[in-house]
Amino acid sequence: MLTTNLNRPRAPWRSPWIRQSQFLWWLEIKTAKPYCTYYFGPFANSLEARRNMSGYVEDLVAEQAEGITIKLKQCQPEELTFSSDSELD
């Protein structure tokens, strides 16, 4: 017999019916060297995210990261940092 727990609350970002506009704001910052993707946040709105962006970039530059790209996204990342030993050529 298949049973489900209907009383268990679901995290809002896991719900299939949630709209994109209900997600919080995150900065997705990628570096080419080392090949990494970082998510910084969450922020309540895009203005708050933009105000904090330079601090994260300054830290990565101080760590000698190269090829930095930034995207402002409404999402719920499953991982906050992703890195790979292989680099894209």
PDB file of N, CA and C in Angstrom:
ATOM      1  N   MET A   1       0.834  -1.182   0.000  1.00  0.00           N
ATOM      2  CA  MET A   1       0.000   0.000   0.000  1.00  0.00           C
ATOM      3  C   MET A   1       0.878   1.243   0.000  1.00  0.00           C
ATOM      4  N   LEU A   2       0.592   2.192  -0.834  1.00  0.00           N
ATOM      5  CA  LEU A   2       1.338   3.436  -0.951  1.00  0.00           C
ATOM      6  C   LEU A   2       0.782   4.452   0.033  1.00  0.00           C
ATOM      7  N   THR A   3       1.658   5.008   0.859  1.00  0.00           N
ATOM      8  CA  THR A   3       1.228   6.030   1.808  1.00  0.00           C
ATOM      9  C   THR A   3       2.030   7.289   1.568  1.00  0.00           C
ATOM     10  N   THR A   4       1.418   8.408   1.828  1.00  0.00           N
ATOM     11  CA  THR A   4       2.107   9.683   1.720  1.00  0.00           C
ATOM     12  C   THR A   4       1.871  10.471   2.980  1.00  0.00           C
ATOM     13  N   ASN A   5       2.785  11.337   3.279  1.00  0.00           N
ATOM     14  CA  ASN A   5       2.647  12.199   4.447  1.00  0.00           C
ATOM     15  C   ASN A   5       2.162  13.560   3.971  1.00  0.00           C
ATOM     16  N   LEU A   6       0.871  13.778   3.995  1.00  0.00           N
ATOM     17  CA  LEU A   6       0.299  15.022   3.508  1.00  0.00           C
ATOM     18  C   LEU A   6       0.497  16.174   4.479  1.00  0.00           C
ATOM     19  N   ASN A   7       0.835  15.882   5.715  1.00  0.00           N
ATOM     20  CA  ASN A   7       1.011  16.925   6.719  1.00  0.00           C
ATOM     21  C   ASN A   7       2.412  17.510   6.724  1.00  0.00           C
ATOM     22  N   ARG A   8       3.321  16.878   6.022  1.00  0.00           N
ATOM     23  CA  ARG A   8       4.702  17.363   6.000  1.00  0.00           C
ATOM     24  C   ARG A   8       4.789  18.625   5.151  1.00  0.00           C
ATOM     25  N   PRO A   9       5.276  19.742   5.719  1.00  0.00           N
ATOM     26  CA  PRO A   9       5.376  20.968   4.917  1.00  0.00           C
ATOM     27  C   PRO A   9       6.462  20.838   3.868  1.00  0.00           C
ATOM     28  N   ARG A  10       6.226  21.436   2.730  1.00  0.00           N
ATOM     29  CA  ARG A  10       7.209  21.443   1.651  1.00  0.00           C
ATOM     30  C   ARG A  10       7.911  22.780   1.627  1.00  0.00           C
ATOM     31  N   ALA A  11       9.190  22.743   1.368  1.00  0.00           N
ATOM     32  CA  ALA A  11       9.924  23.992   1.184  1.00  0.00           C
ATOM     33  C   ALA A  11       9.358  24.673  -0.050  1.00  0.00           C
ATOM     34  N   PRO A  12       9.144  25.975  -0.023  1.00  0.00           N
ATOM     35  CA  PRO A  12       8.486  26.644  -1.147  1.00  0.00           C
ATOM     36  C   PRO A  12       9.231  26.501  -2.461  1.00  0.00           C
ATOM     37  N   TRP A  13      10.550  26.411  -2.452  1.00  0.00           N
ATOM     38  CA  TRP A  13      11.294  26.311  -3.704  1.00  0.00           C
ATOM     39  C   TRP A  13      11.228  24.914  -4.291  1.00  0.00           C
ATOM     40  N   ARG A  14      10.700  23.964  -3.564  1.00  0.00           N
ATOM     41  CA  ARG A  14      10.569  22.598  -4.059  1.00  0.00           C
ATOM     42  C   ARG A  14       9.178  22.327  -4.635  1.00  0.00           C
ATOM     43  N   SER A  15       8.261  23.233  -4.423  1.00  0.00           N
ATOM     44  CA  SER A  15       6.905  23.036  -4.890  1.00  0.00           C
ATOM     45  C   SER A  15       6.832  23.210  -6.399  1.00  0.00           C
ATOM     46  N   PRO A  16       6.224  22.265  -7.103  1.00  0.00           N
ATOM     47  CA  PRO A  16       6.184  22.363  -8.565  1.00  0.00           C
ATOM     48  C   PRO A  16       5.300  23.491  -9.073  1.00  0.00           C
ATOM     49  N   TRP A  17       4.384  23.975  -8.282  1.00  0.00           N
ATOM     50  CA  TRP A  17       3.445  24.994  -8.742  1.00  0.00           C
ATOM     51  C   TRP A  17       3.868  26.422  -8.390  1.00  0.00           C
ATOM     52  N   ILE A  18       5.002  26.595  -7.755  1.00  0.00           N
ATOM     53  CA  ILE A  18       5.440  27.937  -7.368  1.00  0.00           C
ATOM     54  C   ILE A  18       5.869  28.729  -8.596  1.00  0.00           C
ATOM     55  N   ARG A  19       5.584  30.000  -8.610  1.00  0.00           N
ATOM     56  CA  ARG A  19       5.962  30.870  -9.717  1.00  0.00           C
ATOM     57  C   ARG A  19       7.387  31.385  -9.520  1.00  0.00           C
ATOM     58  N   GLN A  20       8.066  31.623 -10.628  1.00  0.00           N
ATOM     59  CA  GLN A  20       9.442  32.139 -10.595  1.00  0.00           C
ATOM     60  C   GLN A  20       9.527  33.423  -9.774  1.00  0.00           C
ATOM     61  N   SER A  21       8.521  34.284  -9.862  1.00  0.00           N
ATOM     62  CA  SER A  21       8.563  35.573  -9.182  1.00  0.00           C
ATOM     63  C   SER A  21       8.552  35.448  -7.665  1.00  0.00           C
ATOM     64  N   GLN A  22       8.257  34.277  -7.138  1.00  0.00           N
ATOM     65  CA  GLN A  22       8.233  34.092  -5.699  1.00  0.00           C
ATOM     66  C   GLN A  22       9.603  33.712  -5.133  1.00  0.00           C
ATOM     67  N   PHE A  23      10.568  33.439  -5.997  1.00  0.00           N
ATOM     68  CA  PHE A  23      11.909  33.105  -5.530  1.00  0.00           C
ATOM     69  C   PHE A  23      12.630  34.361  -5.064  1.00  0.00           C
ATOM     70  N   LEU A  24      13.568  34.187  -4.159  1.00  0.00           N
ATOM     71  CA  LEU A  24      14.410  35.285  -3.714  1.00  0.00           C
ATOM     72  C   LEU A  24      15.515  35.515  -4.739  1.00  0.00           C
ATOM     73  N   TRP A  25      16.224  36.617  -4.584  1.00  0.00           N
ATOM     74  CA  TRP A  25      17.273  37.004  -5.523  1.00  0.00           C
ATOM     75  C   TRP A  25      18.623  36.460  -5.079  1.00  0.00           C
ATOM     76  N   TRP A  26      19.408  35.988  -6.036  1.00  0.00           N
ATOM     77  CA  TRP A  26      20.750  35.465  -5.804  1.00  0.00           C
ATOM     78  C   TRP A  26      21.687  36.028  -6.861  1.00  0.00           C
ATOM     79  N   LEU A  27      22.934  36.209  -6.472  1.00  0.00           N
ATOM     80  CA  LEU A  27      23.989  36.532  -7.429  1.00  0.00           C
ATOM     81  C   LEU A  27      24.686  35.234  -7.809  1.00  0.00           C
ATOM     82  N   GLU A  28      24.708  34.940  -9.100  1.00  0.00           N
ATOM     83  CA  GLU A  28      25.453  33.791  -9.598  1.00  0.00           C
ATOM     84  C   GLU A  28      26.756  34.349 -10.164  1.00  0.00           C
ATOM     85  N   ILE A  29      27.857  34.031  -9.523  1.00  0.00           N
ATOM     86  CA  ILE A  29      29.161  34.520  -9.967  1.00  0.00           C
ATOM     87  C   ILE A  29      30.006  33.321 -10.387  1.00  0.00           C
ATOM     88  N   LYS A  30      30.441  33.375 -11.651  1.00  0.00           N
ATOM     89  CA  LYS A  30      31.264  32.297 -12.195  1.00  0.00           C
ATOM     90  C   LYS A  30      32.674  32.810 -12.421  1.00  0.00           C
ATOM     91  N   THR A  31      33.638  31.950 -12.215  1.00  0.00           N
ATOM     92  CA  THR A  31      35.029  32.267 -12.513  1.00  0.00           C
ATOM     93  C   THR A  31      35.574  31.210 -13.472  1.00  0.00           C
ATOM     94  N   ALA A  32      36.443  31.664 -14.389  1.00  0.00           N
ATOM     95  CA  ALA A  32      37.059  30.741 -15.341  1.00  0.00           C
ATOM     96  C   ALA A  32      38.267  30.047 -14.731  1.00  0.00           C
ATOM     97  N   LYS A  33      39.037  30.797 -13.935  1.00  0.00           N
ATOM     98  CA  LYS A  33      40.204  30.238 -13.235  1.00  0.00           C
ATOM     99  C   LYS A  33      40.150  30.697 -11.797  1.00  0.00           C
ATOM    100  N   PRO A  34      39.912  29.828 -10.862  1.00  0.00           N
ATOM    101  CA  PRO A  34      39.513  28.432 -11.034  1.00  0.00           C
ATOM    102  C   PRO A  34      38.095  28.357 -11.575  1.00  0.00           C
ATOM    103  N   TYR A  35      37.753  27.240 -12.195  1.00  0.00           N
ATOM    104  CA  TYR A  35      36.423  27.055 -12.768  1.00  0.00           C
ATOM    105  C   TYR A  35      35.452  26.781 -11.627  1.00  0.00           C
ATOM    106  N   CYS A  36      34.696  27.814 -11.230  1.00  0.00           N
ATOM    107  CA  CYS A  36      33.761  27.702 -10.105  1.00  0.00           C
ATOM    108  C   CYS A  36      32.503  28.503 -10.381  1.00  0.00           C
ATOM    109  N   THR A  37      31.436  28.094  -9.763  1.00  0.00           N
ATOM    110  CA  THR A  37      30.198  28.854  -9.735  1.00  0.00           C
ATOM    111  C   THR A  37      29.830  29.061  -8.278  1.00  0.00           C
ATOM    112  N   TYR A  38      29.574  30.304  -7.923  1.00  0.00           N
ATOM    113  CA  TYR A  38      29.209  30.668  -6.562  1.00  0.00           C
ATOM    114  C   TYR A  38      27.829  31.311  -6.569  1.00  0.00           C
ATOM    115  N   TYR A  39      27.034  31.021  -5.554  1.00  0.00           N
ATOM    116  CA  TYR A  39      25.766  31.714  -5.357  1.00  0.00           C
ATOM    117  C   TYR A  39      25.848  32.481  -4.052  1.00  0.00           C
ATOM    118  N   PHE A  40      25.589  33.783  -4.132  1.00  0.00           N
ATOM    119  CA  PHE A  40      25.584  34.640  -2.955  1.00  0.00           C
ATOM    120  C   PHE A  40      24.177  35.176  -2.759  1.00  0.00           C
ATOM    121  N   GLY A  41      23.684  35.076  -1.548  1.00  0.00           N
ATOM    122  CA  GLY A  41      22.342  35.530  -1.235  1.00  0.00           C
ATOM    123  C   GLY A  41      21.796  34.739  -0.074  1.00  0.00           C
ATOM    124  N   PRO A  42      20.526  34.690   0.103  1.00  0.00           N
ATOM    125  CA  PRO A  42      19.499  35.310  -0.716  1.00  0.00           C
ATOM    126  C   PRO A  42      19.304  36.780  -0.348  1.00  0.00           C
ATOM    127  N   PHE A  43      18.787  37.514  -1.324  1.00  0.00           N
ATOM    128  CA  PHE A  43      18.471  38.924  -1.138  1.00  0.00           C
ATOM    129  C   PHE A  43      16.977  39.119  -1.347  1.00  0.00           C
ATOM    130  N   ALA A  44      16.412  40.059  -0.637  1.00  0.00           N
ATOM    131  CA  ALA A  44      14.976  40.308  -0.711  1.00  0.00           C
ATOM    132  C   ALA A  44      14.568  40.915  -2.050  1.00  0.00           C
ATOM    133  N   ASN A  45      15.485  41.653  -2.686  1.00  0.00           N
ATOM    134  CA  ASN A  45      15.153  42.278  -3.968  1.00  0.00           C
ATOM    135  C   ASN A  45      16.436  42.466  -4.781  1.00  0.00           C
ATOM    136  N   SER A  46      16.265  42.839  -6.038  1.00  0.00           N
ATOM    137  CA  SER A  46      17.418  42.957  -6.928  1.00  0.00           C
ATOM    138  C   SER A  46      18.332  44.121  -6.532  1.00  0.00           C
ATOM    139  N   LEU A  47      17.769  45.186  -5.994  1.00  0.00           N
ATOM    140  CA  LEU A  47      18.584  46.330  -5.574  1.00  0.00           C
ATOM    141  C   LEU A  47      19.538  45.932  -4.450  1.00  0.00           C
ATOM    142  N   GLU A  48      19.044  45.187  -3.493  1.00  0.00           N
ATOM    143  CA  GLU A  48      19.894  44.718  -2.392  1.00  0.00           C
ATOM    144  C   GLU A  48      21.022  43.834  -2.924  1.00  0.00           C
ATOM    145  N   ALA A  49      20.711  42.985  -3.868  1.00  0.00           N
ATOM    146  CA  ALA A  49      21.733  42.111  -4.461  1.00  0.00           C
ATOM    147  C   ALA A  49      22.807  42.939  -5.165  1.00  0.00           C
ATOM    148  N   ARG A  50      22.380  43.927  -5.940  1.00  0.00           N
ATOM    149  CA  ARG A  50      23.341  44.773  -6.663  1.00  0.00           C
ATOM    150  C   ARG A  50      24.232  45.564  -5.703  1.00  0.00           C
ATOM    151  N   ARG A  51      23.668  46.006  -4.600  1.00  0.00           N
ATOM    152  CA  ARG A  51      24.456  46.762  -3.616  1.00  0.00           C
ATOM    153  C   ARG A  51      25.564  45.914  -2.991  1.00  0.00           C
ATOM    154  N   ASN A  52      25.372  44.616  -2.904  1.00  0.00           N
ATOM    155  CA  ASN A  52      26.350  43.728  -2.282  1.00  0.00           C
ATOM    156  C   ASN A  52      27.317  43.089  -3.268  1.00  0.00           C
ATOM    157  N   MET A  53      27.044  43.233  -4.552  1.00  0.00           N
ATOM    158  CA  MET A  53      27.821  42.546  -5.577  1.00  0.00           C
ATOM    159  C   MET A  53      29.306  42.893  -5.544  1.00  0.00           C
ATOM    160  N   SER A  54      29.647  44.141  -5.412  1.00  0.00           N
ATOM    161  CA  SER A  54      31.053  44.546  -5.519  1.00  0.00           C
ATOM    162  C   SER A  54      31.921  43.904  -4.444  1.00  0.00           C
ATOM    163  N   GLY A  55      31.392  43.712  -3.263  1.00  0.00           N
ATOM    164  CA  GLY A  55      32.167  43.078  -2.189  1.00  0.00           C
ATOM    165  C   GLY A  55      32.566  41.651  -2.536  1.00  0.00           C
ATOM    166  N   TYR A  56      31.645  40.906  -3.135  1.00  0.00           N
ATOM    167  CA  TYR A  56      31.958  39.528  -3.526  1.00  0.00           C
ATOM    168  C   TYR A  56      32.997  39.501  -4.642  1.00  0.00           C
ATOM    169  N   VAL A  57      32.847  40.394  -5.602  1.00  0.00           N
ATOM    170  CA  VAL A  57      33.797  40.457  -6.716  1.00  0.00           C
ATOM    171  C   VAL A  57      35.175  40.856  -6.204  1.00  0.00           C
ATOM    172  N   GLU A  58      35.239  41.841  -5.307  1.00  0.00           N
ATOM    173  CA  GLU A  58      36.527  42.254  -4.741  1.00  0.00           C
ATOM    174  C   GLU A  58      37.227  41.088  -4.045  1.00  0.00           C
ATOM    175  N   ASP A  59      36.476  40.278  -3.321  1.00  0.00           N
ATOM    176  CA  ASP A  59      37.072  39.113  -2.648  1.00  0.00           C
ATOM    177  C   ASP A  59      37.640  38.124  -3.658  1.00  0.00           C
ATOM    178  N   LEU A  60      36.907  37.878  -4.738  1.00  0.00           N
ATOM    179  CA  LEU A  60      37.390  36.937  -5.760  1.00  0.00           C
ATOM    180  C   LEU A  60      38.618  37.479  -6.481  1.00  0.00           C
ATOM    181  N   VAL A  61      38.636  38.774  -6.766  1.00  0.00           N
ATOM    182  CA  VAL A  61      39.804  39.395  -7.400  1.00  0.00           C
ATOM    183  C   VAL A  61      41.006  39.295  -6.462  1.00  0.00           C
ATOM    184  N   ALA A  62      40.798  39.530  -5.177  1.00  0.00           N
ATOM    185  CA  ALA A  62      41.885  39.420  -4.198  1.00  0.00           C
ATOM    186  C   ALA A  62      42.436  37.994  -4.138  1.00  0.00           C
ATOM    187  N   GLU A  63      41.584  37.009  -4.436  1.00  0.00           N
ATOM    188  CA  GLU A  63      42.021  35.605  -4.464  1.00  0.00           C
ATOM    189  C   GLU A  63      42.562  35.208  -5.834  1.00  0.00           C
ATOM    190  N   GLN A  64      42.747  36.204  -6.720  1.00  0.00           N
ATOM    191  CA  GLN A  64      43.317  36.042  -8.056  1.00  0.00           C
ATOM    192  C   GLN A  64      42.454  35.197  -8.994  1.00  0.00           C
ATOM    193  N   ALA A  65      41.136  35.252  -8.795  1.00  0.00           N
ATOM    194  CA  ALA A  65      40.228  34.582  -9.723  1.00  0.00           C
ATOM    195  C   ALA A  65      40.228  35.349 -11.039  1.00  0.00           C
ATOM    196  N   GLU A  66      40.055  34.627 -12.147  1.00  0.00           N
ATOM    197  CA  GLU A  66      40.047  35.236 -13.468  1.00  0.00           C
ATOM    198  C   GLU A  66      38.758  34.885 -14.199  1.00  0.00           C
ATOM    199  N   GLY A  67      38.394  35.733 -15.153  1.00  0.00           N
ATOM    200  CA  GLY A  67      37.214  35.470 -15.979  1.00  0.00           C
ATOM    201  C   GLY A  67      35.925  35.491 -15.180  1.00  0.00           C
ATOM    202  N   ILE A  68      35.713  36.553 -14.430  1.00  0.00           N
ATOM    203  CA  ILE A  68      34.546  36.652 -13.548  1.00  0.00           C
ATOM    204  C   ILE A  68      33.333  37.142 -14.336  1.00  0.00           C
ATOM    205  N   THR A  69      32.244  36.393 -14.251  1.00  0.00           N
ATOM    206  CA  THR A  69      30.972  36.813 -14.839  1.00  0.00           C
ATOM    207  C   THR A  69      29.903  36.765 -13.760  1.00  0.00           C
ATOM    208  N   ILE A  70      28.935  37.677 -13.870  1.00  0.00           N
ATOM    209  CA  ILE A  70      27.916  37.823 -12.830  1.00  0.00           C
ATOM    210  C   ILE A  70      26.537  37.827 -13.464  1.00  0.00           C
ATOM    211  N   LYS A  71      25.615  37.082 -12.861  1.00  0.00           N
ATOM    212  CA  LYS A  71      24.215  37.108 -13.262  1.00  0.00           C
ATOM    213  C   LYS A  71      23.371  37.297 -12.010  1.00  0.00           C
ATOM    214  N   LEU A  72      22.356  38.099 -12.140  1.00  0.00           N
ATOM    215  CA  LEU A  72      21.383  38.291 -11.078  1.00  0.00           C
ATOM    216  C   LEU A  72      20.204  37.383 -11.405  1.00  0.00           C
ATOM    217  N   LYS A  73      19.846  36.499 -10.455  1.00  0.00           N
ATOM    218  CA  LYS A  73      18.822  35.504 -10.747  1.00  0.00           C
ATOM    219  C   LYS A  73      17.809  35.405  -9.616  1.00  0.00           C
ATOM    220  N   GLN A  74      16.584  35.059  -9.994  1.00  0.00           N
ATOM    221  CA  GLN A  74      15.590  34.653  -9.021  1.00  0.00           C
ATOM    222  C   GLN A  74      15.550  33.140  -9.093  1.00  0.00           C
ATOM    223  N   CYS A  75      16.020  32.490  -8.033  1.00  0.00           N
ATOM    224  CA  CYS A  75      16.111  31.038  -8.049  1.00  0.00           C
ATOM    225  C   CYS A  75      16.274  30.539  -6.628  1.00  0.00           C
ATOM    226  N   GLN A  76      16.444  29.255  -6.485  1.00  0.00           N
ATOM    227  CA  GLN A  76      16.823  28.646  -5.221  1.00  0.00           C
ATOM    228  C   GLN A  76      17.893  27.617  -5.555  1.00  0.00           C
ATOM    229  N   PRO A  77      19.165  28.011  -5.470  1.00  0.00           N
ATOM    230  CA  PRO A  77      20.232  27.070  -5.830  1.00  0.00           C
ATOM    231  C   PRO A  77      20.269  25.883  -4.881  1.00  0.00           C
ATOM    232  N   GLU A  78      20.577  24.733  -5.446  1.00  0.00           N
ATOM    233  CA  GLU A  78      20.699  23.526  -4.626  1.00  0.00           C
ATOM    234  C   GLU A  78      22.068  23.461  -3.965  1.00  0.00           C
ATOM    235  N   GLU A  79      23.068  24.052  -4.607  1.00  0.00           N
ATOM    236  CA  GLU A  79      24.411  24.137  -4.054  1.00  0.00           C
ATOM    237  C   GLU A  79      24.851  25.585  -4.119  1.00  0.00           C
ATOM    238  N   LEU A  80      25.574  26.050  -3.104  1.00  0.00           N
ATOM    239  CA  LEU A  80      26.030  27.436  -3.097  1.00  0.00           C
ATOM    240  C   LEU A  80      27.369  27.613  -3.797  1.00  0.00           C
ATOM    241  N   THR A  81      28.150  26.535  -3.873  1.00  0.00           N
ATOM    242  CA  THR A  81      29.438  26.580  -4.563  1.00  0.00           C
ATOM    243  C   THR A  81      29.593  25.304  -5.365  1.00  0.00           C
ATOM    244  N   PHE A  82      29.962  25.461  -6.618  1.00  0.00           N
ATOM    245  CA  PHE A  82      30.235  24.316  -7.470  1.00  0.00           C
ATOM    246  C   PHE A  82      31.580  24.557  -8.133  1.00  0.00           C
ATOM    247  N   SER A  83      32.461  23.591  -8.017  1.00  0.00           N
ATOM    248  CA  SER A  83      33.759  23.720  -8.683  1.00  0.00           C
ATOM    249  C   SER A  83      34.093  22.399  -9.368  1.00  0.00           C
ATOM    250  N   SER A  84      34.956  22.510 -10.364  1.00  0.00           N
ATOM    251  CA  SER A  84      35.373  21.357 -11.119  1.00  0.00           C
ATOM    252  C   SER A  84      36.875  21.417 -11.316  1.00  0.00           C
ATOM    253  N   ASP A  85      37.502  20.267 -11.255  1.00  0.00           N
ATOM    254  CA  ASP A  85      38.952  20.222 -11.480  1.00  0.00           C
ATOM    255  C   ASP A  85      39.287  20.477 -12.942  1.00  0.00           C
ATOM    256  N   SER A  86      38.351  20.176 -13.828  1.00  0.00           N
ATOM    257  CA  SER A  86      38.613  20.410 -15.251  1.00  0.00           C
ATOM    258  C   SER A  86      38.170  21.819 -15.615  1.00  0.00           C
ATOM    259  N   GLU A  87      38.945  22.467 -16.439  1.00  0.00           N
ATOM    260  CA  GLU A  87      38.642  23.818 -16.893  1.00  0.00           C
ATOM    261  C   GLU A  87      38.104  23.762 -18.309  1.00  0.00           C
ATOM    262  N   LEU A  88      37.233  24.705 -18.631  1.00  0.00           N
ATOM    263  CA  LEU A  88      36.730  24.794 -19.998  1.00  0.00           C
ATOM    264  C   LEU A  88      37.750  25.529 -20.850  1.00  0.00           C
ATOM    265  N   ASP A  89      38.095  24.993 -21.960  1.00  0.00           N
ATOM    266  CA  ASP A  89      39.048  25.653 -22.860  1.00  0.00           C
ATOM    267  C   ASP A  89      38.315  26.341 -23.968  1.00  0.00           C
TER     268      ASP A  89
END
